[in-house]
Protein backbone atom coordinates (compact mmCIF):
# COMPACT_ATOMS: atom_id res chain seq x y z
CA UNK A 1 111.07 141.90 52.27
CA UNK A 2 114.47 140.80 51.41
CA UNK A 3 115.10 138.77 48.67
CA UNK A 4 117.84 137.65 46.67
CA UNK A 5 117.85 137.82 42.77
CA UNK A 6 119.60 137.55 39.58
CA UNK A 7 119.21 140.96 37.93
CA UNK A 8 122.00 141.94 35.79
CA UNK A 9 122.84 138.77 32.98
CA UNK A 10 126.57 137.78 33.68
CA UNK A 11 125.81 139.48 37.22
CA UNK A 12 126.17 138.27 40.75
CA UNK A 13 122.92 137.43 42.71
CA UNK A 14 121.95 140.61 44.97
CA UNK A 15 120.29 141.01 48.37
CA UNK A 16 117.56 143.79 47.70
CA UNK A 17 114.32 144.75 49.45
CA UNK A 18 111.32 144.49 47.29
CA UNK A 19 107.55 144.52 48.33
CA UNK A 20 106.05 141.77 50.13
CA UNK A 21 103.56 140.23 47.77
CA UNK A 22 99.72 139.68 48.58
CA UNK A 23 98.13 136.83 47.46
CA UNK A 24 95.57 137.02 44.52
CA UNK A 25 92.13 134.99 44.29
CA UNK A 26 93.51 131.03 43.91
CA UNK A 27 97.24 131.76 45.58
CA UNK A 28 98.67 130.75 48.71
CA UNK A 29 101.38 133.09 50.66
CA UNK A 30 104.15 131.37 52.63
CA UNK A 31 106.80 132.75 55.26
CA UNK A 32 109.57 131.29 54.09
CA UNK A 33 111.27 128.89 56.72
CA UNK A 34 114.42 127.08 54.07
CA UNK A 35 115.33 127.36 50.47
CA UNK A 36 117.61 125.74 48.55
CA UNK A 37 120.54 126.64 46.56
CA UNK A 38 121.10 124.56 43.39
CA UNK A 39 123.08 124.32 40.13
CA UNK A 40 120.41 124.35 38.33
CA UNK A 41 120.34 128.33 39.52
CA UNK A 42 124.33 128.45 38.71
CA UNK A 43 123.57 127.35 35.54
CA UNK A 44 120.86 129.86 34.39
CA UNK A 45 123.22 132.45 35.86
CA UNK A 46 126.10 131.33 33.14
CA UNK A 47 123.79 131.96 30.48
CA UNK A 48 124.31 134.35 27.67
CA UNK A 49 121.23 137.20 27.09
CA UNK A 50 120.74 135.10 23.88
CA UNK A 51 119.86 132.11 26.12
CA UNK A 52 118.18 133.49 29.14
CA UNK A 53 114.90 133.10 29.27
CA UNK A 54 113.78 133.36 33.17
CA UNK A 55 113.08 136.94 32.98
CA UNK A 56 115.10 139.83 35.49
CA UNK A 57 114.71 140.67 38.21
CA UNK A 58 114.21 136.77 39.56
CA UNK A 59 114.00 136.08 42.89
CA UNK A 60 116.76 132.81 42.83
CA UNK A 61 115.29 129.18 44.61
CA UNK A 62 113.50 126.59 43.62
CA UNK A 63 113.30 124.55 46.38
CA UNK A 64 111.22 125.92 49.39
CA UNK A 65 109.68 125.27 52.02
CA UNK A 66 107.69 127.59 54.63
CA UNK A 67 104.56 128.42 56.88
CA UNK A 68 101.20 129.12 54.94
CA UNK A 69 100.61 132.61 56.47
CA UNK A 70 97.68 134.13 54.48
CA UNK A 71 95.39 132.90 51.76
CA UNK A 72 93.62 134.22 48.66
CA UNK A 73 90.28 134.34 47.67
CA UNK A 74 88.89 130.96 46.97
CA UNK A 75 91.56 128.57 48.75
CA UNK A 76 91.34 125.57 50.45
CA UNK A 77 92.98 122.85 51.56
CA UNK A 78 95.83 124.48 53.65
CA UNK A 79 95.11 126.68 56.89
CA UNK A 80 97.41 129.43 58.21
CA UNK A 81 99.90 128.15 60.27
CA UNK A 82 100.34 124.88 58.16
CA UNK A 83 104.22 123.35 57.79
CA UNK A 84 104.62 122.97 54.22
CA UNK A 85 107.01 122.14 50.89
CA UNK A 86 106.79 123.09 47.79
CA UNK A 87 106.18 121.10 44.60
CA UNK A 88 108.46 122.79 42.05
CA UNK A 89 107.78 121.38 38.38
CA UNK A 90 104.21 123.36 37.93
CA UNK A 91 101.98 122.55 35.49
CA UNK A 92 98.71 123.17 34.17
CA UNK A 93 96.74 120.98 36.61
CA UNK A 94 94.61 119.83 33.26
CA UNK A 95 96.91 117.71 31.08
CA UNK A 96 96.84 114.10 30.71
CA UNK A 97 100.39 114.01 32.53
CA UNK A 98 99.14 116.41 34.93
CA UNK A 99 96.30 114.49 36.10
CA UNK A 100 98.71 111.56 36.86
CA UNK A 101 100.67 114.29 39.61
CA UNK A 102 103.17 114.77 36.43
CA UNK A 103 103.65 118.32 36.27
CA UNK A 104 107.13 117.86 35.72
CA UNK A 105 105.89 116.84 32.40
CA UNK A 106 102.97 118.99 31.52
CA UNK A 107 102.48 119.45 27.88
CA UNK A 108 101.00 123.02 28.03
CA UNK A 109 103.33 124.72 30.51
CA UNK A 110 105.33 126.72 28.44
CA UNK A 111 102.64 127.76 26.28
CA UNK A 112 100.59 128.72 29.62
CA UNK A 113 103.75 130.58 30.27
CA UNK A 114 103.91 128.50 33.66
CA UNK A 115 107.52 128.35 35.27
CA UNK A 116 108.49 127.19 38.32
CA UNK A 117 109.79 129.40 41.17
CA UNK A 118 113.31 130.59 40.96
CA UNK A 119 113.37 129.59 37.26
CA UNK A 120 111.03 131.87 36.06
CA UNK A 121 108.35 132.79 39.02
CA UNK A 122 109.68 134.53 42.26
CA UNK A 123 111.31 132.03 44.19
CA UNK A 124 112.08 131.22 47.59
CA UNK A 125 115.16 132.95 48.29
CA UNK A 126 112.78 135.69 50.46
CA UNK A 127 111.09 136.63 53.69
CA UNK A 128 108.07 135.41 51.82
CA UNK A 129 106.83 134.16 48.57
CA UNK A 130 103.58 133.42 46.88
CA UNK A 131 102.72 130.07 45.59
CA UNK A 132 100.05 129.91 42.70
CA UNK A 133 97.82 126.92 43.55
CA UNK A 134 97.15 125.39 46.77
CA UNK A 135 98.11 121.82 45.17
CA UNK A 136 101.80 122.80 44.89
CA UNK A 137 102.00 122.22 48.93
CA UNK A 138 102.91 118.83 50.33
CA UNK A 139 102.65 118.59 54.05
CA UNK A 140 105.67 118.32 56.14
CA UNK A 141 104.23 117.67 59.53
CA UNK A 142 106.95 116.67 61.73
CA UNK A 143 109.78 117.36 59.15
CA UNK A 144 112.29 119.90 59.79
CA UNK A 145 112.17 122.20 56.93
CA UNK A 146 115.78 123.23 56.83
CA UNK A 147 116.98 119.75 57.03
CA UNK A 148 114.70 118.43 54.31
CA UNK A 149 113.69 121.23 52.03
CA UNK A 150 116.43 120.22 49.73
CA UNK A 151 115.05 116.64 48.89
CA UNK A 152 112.39 119.04 46.74
CA UNK A 153 115.17 118.66 43.98
CA UNK A 154 117.99 116.79 45.95
CA UNK A 155 115.76 114.03 46.18
CA UNK A 156 112.74 114.26 43.97
CA UNK A 157 114.82 114.31 41.02
CA UNK A 158 117.47 110.96 41.84
CA UNK A 159 114.35 109.32 42.86
CA UNK A 160 112.40 109.64 39.96
CA UNK A 161 115.60 108.42 37.45
CA UNK A 162 115.91 105.69 39.82
CA UNK A 163 112.67 104.44 39.95
CA UNK A 164 112.22 104.13 36.28
CA UNK A 165 115.33 102.00 36.32
CA UNK A 166 114.09 99.58 39.28
CA UNK A 167 113.16 96.64 37.12
CA UNK A 168 116.71 96.47 36.03
CA UNK A 169 118.12 96.49 39.38
CA UNK A 170 117.29 93.40 40.76
CA UNK A 171 119.56 91.13 43.18
CA UNK A 172 123.28 90.63 41.67
CA UNK A 173 122.62 94.09 39.96
CA UNK A 174 125.19 96.91 39.76
CA UNK A 175 124.53 100.70 39.54
CA UNK A 176 127.05 103.51 39.21
CA UNK A 177 126.72 107.06 40.37
CA UNK A 178 128.70 109.71 38.84
CA UNK A 179 128.72 112.71 41.00
CA UNK A 180 128.74 112.33 44.66
CA UNK A 181 127.85 115.64 45.45
CA UNK A 182 124.54 117.47 46.35
CA UNK A 183 122.26 115.13 44.06
CA UNK A 184 124.45 112.66 44.14
CA UNK A 185 124.76 111.34 47.78
CA UNK A 186 120.74 111.22 47.68
CA UNK A 187 120.90 109.27 44.53
CA UNK A 188 123.15 107.14 46.62
CA UNK A 189 121.12 106.59 49.54
CA UNK A 190 117.77 106.17 47.68
CA UNK A 191 119.64 103.30 45.81
CA UNK A 192 120.32 101.79 49.07
CA UNK A 193 116.81 102.29 50.43
CA UNK A 194 114.85 101.04 47.52
CA UNK A 195 117.05 98.41 45.42
CA UNK A 196 119.65 95.66 46.35
CA UNK A 197 121.91 96.66 43.65
CA UNK A 198 125.62 97.19 44.46
CA UNK A 199 126.27 100.75 44.44
CA UNK A 200 129.62 102.28 42.89
CA UNK A 201 130.18 105.85 43.31
CA UNK A 202 132.41 108.16 41.56
CA UNK A 203 134.13 111.66 41.63
CA UNK A 204 137.43 113.50 41.58
CA UNK A 205 137.16 114.89 44.85
CA UNK A 206 138.42 112.74 47.80
CA UNK A 207 136.19 114.28 50.31
CA UNK A 208 133.04 113.54 47.70
CA UNK A 209 134.42 109.96 47.99
CA UNK A 210 134.51 109.97 51.55
CA UNK A 211 131.06 111.40 51.54
CA UNK A 212 129.79 108.54 49.21
CA UNK A 213 131.15 106.07 51.65
CA UNK A 214 129.21 107.54 54.76
CA UNK A 215 126.26 107.46 52.93
CA UNK A 216 126.45 104.00 51.73
CA UNK A 217 128.27 103.81 48.49
CA UNK A 218 129.45 99.94 48.26
CA UNK A 219 132.60 101.35 46.26
CA UNK A 220 133.90 104.78 45.74
CA UNK A 221 136.66 105.19 43.13
CA UNK A 222 138.13 108.16 41.50
CA UNK A 223 136.59 109.32 37.84
CA UNK A 224 139.60 109.10 36.22
CA UNK A 225 141.10 107.03 33.05
CA UNK A 226 141.19 104.03 35.45
CA UNK A 227 137.61 104.07 35.96
CA UNK A 228 136.25 101.96 33.64
CA UNK A 229 138.66 99.33 33.94
CA UNK A 230 137.64 99.10 37.83
CA UNK A 231 134.19 98.89 37.36
CA UNK A 232 134.55 96.11 34.99
CA UNK A 233 136.61 93.88 37.48
CA UNK A 234 134.17 94.75 39.83
CA UNK A 235 131.36 93.35 37.22
CA UNK A 236 133.27 90.50 36.08
CA UNK A 237 133.67 92.12 32.92
CA UNK A 238 130.10 92.66 32.51
CA UNK A 239 129.71 96.01 32.86
CA UNK A 240 126.23 97.29 34.91
CA UNK A 241 122.74 97.67 34.96
CA UNK A 242 122.32 101.37 35.37
CA UNK A 243 124.40 104.38 35.49
CA UNK A 244 123.35 107.77 36.57
CA UNK A 245 125.51 110.58 35.60
CA UNK A 246 124.62 113.91 37.93
CA UNK A 247 127.52 115.65 36.08
CA UNK A 248 126.68 114.81 32.36
CA UNK A 249 129.74 116.21 30.30
CA UNK A 250 131.34 114.54 27.41
CA UNK A 251 133.73 112.63 29.70
CA UNK A 252 131.37 111.64 32.35
CA UNK A 253 129.02 110.44 29.49
CA UNK A 254 131.67 109.01 27.68
CA UNK A 255 132.40 106.66 30.67
CA UNK A 256 128.64 106.22 31.19
CA UNK A 257 128.56 104.46 28.16
CA UNK A 258 132.01 102.36 28.91
CA UNK A 259 130.36 101.18 31.57
CA UNK A 260 127.09 100.32 30.60
CA UNK A 261 125.87 96.56 30.02
CA UNK A 262 123.86 95.27 27.33
CA UNK A 263 120.21 95.69 28.26
CA UNK A 264 121.47 98.72 30.60
CA UNK A 265 120.53 102.17 31.18
CA UNK A 266 122.72 105.25 31.01
CA UNK A 267 120.77 107.75 32.91
CA UNK A 268 121.65 111.37 32.39
CA UNK A 269 120.40 114.28 35.40
CA UNK A 270 123.04 116.36 35.32
CA UNK A 271 123.10 119.90 33.12
CA UNK A 272 126.08 119.25 31.14
CA UNK A 273 125.85 119.33 27.69
CA UNK A 274 127.53 116.46 26.36
CA UNK A 275 126.35 114.15 23.45
CA UNK A 276 126.15 110.19 22.76
CA UNK A 277 125.95 108.60 19.03
CA UNK A 278 122.95 106.15 18.60
CA UNK A 279 122.77 103.20 16.48
CA UNK A 280 122.96 99.37 16.56
CA UNK A 281 126.90 99.67 16.62
CA UNK A 282 126.86 102.41 18.56
CA UNK A 283 125.99 101.48 22.01
CA UNK A 284 125.25 98.25 23.81
CA UNK A 285 122.05 96.01 22.44
CA UNK A 286 118.92 97.28 24.25
CA UNK A 287 120.64 100.10 26.23
CA UNK A 288 118.77 102.91 26.72
CA UNK A 289 119.51 106.62 27.32
CA UNK A 290 117.38 108.60 29.42
CA UNK A 291 117.11 112.25 30.33
CA UNK A 292 114.49 112.49 33.30
CA UNK A 293 113.23 115.88 34.62
CA UNK A 294 112.62 116.66 38.22
CA UNK A 295 109.57 114.05 39.30
CA UNK A 296 105.98 113.93 40.03
CA UNK A 297 104.40 115.70 43.20
CA UNK A 298 103.20 111.61 44.20
CA UNK A 299 107.13 111.15 44.33
CA UNK A 300 107.63 113.55 46.57
CA UNK A 301 105.29 112.45 48.67
CA UNK A 302 107.79 109.29 48.55
CA UNK A 303 110.85 110.92 49.28
CA UNK A 304 109.34 112.58 52.20
CA UNK A 305 108.27 109.02 53.68
CA UNK A 306 111.81 107.76 53.29
CA UNK A 307 113.09 110.99 55.08
CA UNK A 308 110.50 110.23 57.70
CA UNK A 309 112.25 106.53 58.22
CA UNK A 310 115.51 107.71 58.11
CA UNK A 311 116.61 106.13 55.33
CA UNK A 312 117.74 109.28 53.51
CA UNK A 313 119.35 112.21 54.49
CA UNK A 314 120.42 115.37 53.01
CA UNK A 315 124.01 116.74 54.19
CA UNK A 316 123.12 120.50 54.44
CA UNK A 317 125.59 123.80 55.27
CA UNK A 318 122.76 126.52 56.57
CA UNK A 319 123.32 130.17 55.67
CA UNK A 320 121.46 133.27 56.68
CA UNK A 321 119.31 135.39 54.05
CA UNK A 322 122.40 137.86 54.40
CA UNK A 323 124.87 135.44 53.61
CA UNK A 324 122.95 133.64 50.43
CA UNK A 325 125.61 135.42 48.38
CA UNK A 326 128.47 133.03 50.35
CA UNK A 327 126.39 130.43 49.93
CA UNK A 328 126.70 130.99 45.67
CA UNK A 329 129.85 131.17 45.68
CA UNK A 330 130.62 127.91 47.31
CA UNK A 331 128.50 126.24 44.83
CA UNK A 332 130.22 127.58 42.17
CA UNK A 333 133.80 126.59 43.77
CA UNK A 334 132.58 123.17 44.94
CA UNK A 335 133.05 123.96 48.07
CA UNK A 336 130.08 122.92 49.78
CA UNK A 337 129.54 119.62 51.52
CA UNK A 338 125.69 118.54 50.23
CA UNK A 339 123.70 121.38 49.55
CA UNK A 340 123.17 124.98 50.66
CA UNK A 341 119.82 125.62 52.51
CA UNK A 342 119.24 129.54 52.90
CA UNK A 343 117.27 130.38 55.99
CA UNK A 344 115.78 133.68 56.13
């Protein structure tokens, strides 16, 4: 079968022919219908040999959907022909966090060598993929896999981040979204769908600001030196209840700190490496900084319900598997509108 793999540190992903996998006991094989390309993929492919820990060769794709194609011995709960999406942050299934569906915070995953597809285990950028347990498969039903596969990360990650701040996003509150790209444009829609907050979007690109307005941002501002003052003006000088930073580099972190009000949340979602000082005099009183990771299985069900009711959608650009390398190039160049989806 064809698969898109990262094969050499510092190299580009390559389309290769590999053996079609067979499901073992408890496993499910999917015929892939859609796979999403993500900045996380670009991030791990930018790591040095000393920092890279994901194994080579690595079949990419941690956003995946497919048709159940073959069942391993002992599998129940899914049937051949089911249209499903793959829950990516897989855990042991037995610890306290996993018992709540929070496998994104499994306390034993590293110890047991459990890795998400495309981020250590073979991913969805292939004609077929193996899923280790049927509990990682969520029914798509009538949802189009190509239009919705990116929700498994680009929807789930902002939903999880925003949901934890909902007690502060009351009527009259304001939320800032920094970065209106692949995750940020979905985050704007989620904020509009599940909170009454006024949403201010920030980005450097005029095209991203236009997209932010299209998907529901009340205000869309350049993320430049004037942004903090502009946000203060829009909030009567008080600042905002929550900042959702989908970039998380030093300038955006400092901007977020500058506009977070007393008791506000600064939520760092992007893969950047900025830092913040802490302490009584270093931040607004009772403000908090969180760095959430992905989301729970139950939250992914909720994200799909938002899609079914038309409250959330993902702007997608579709590529064939033969053109998947160019999808990652456009991702790297920042020329995608929303997310790239690869269809084998």
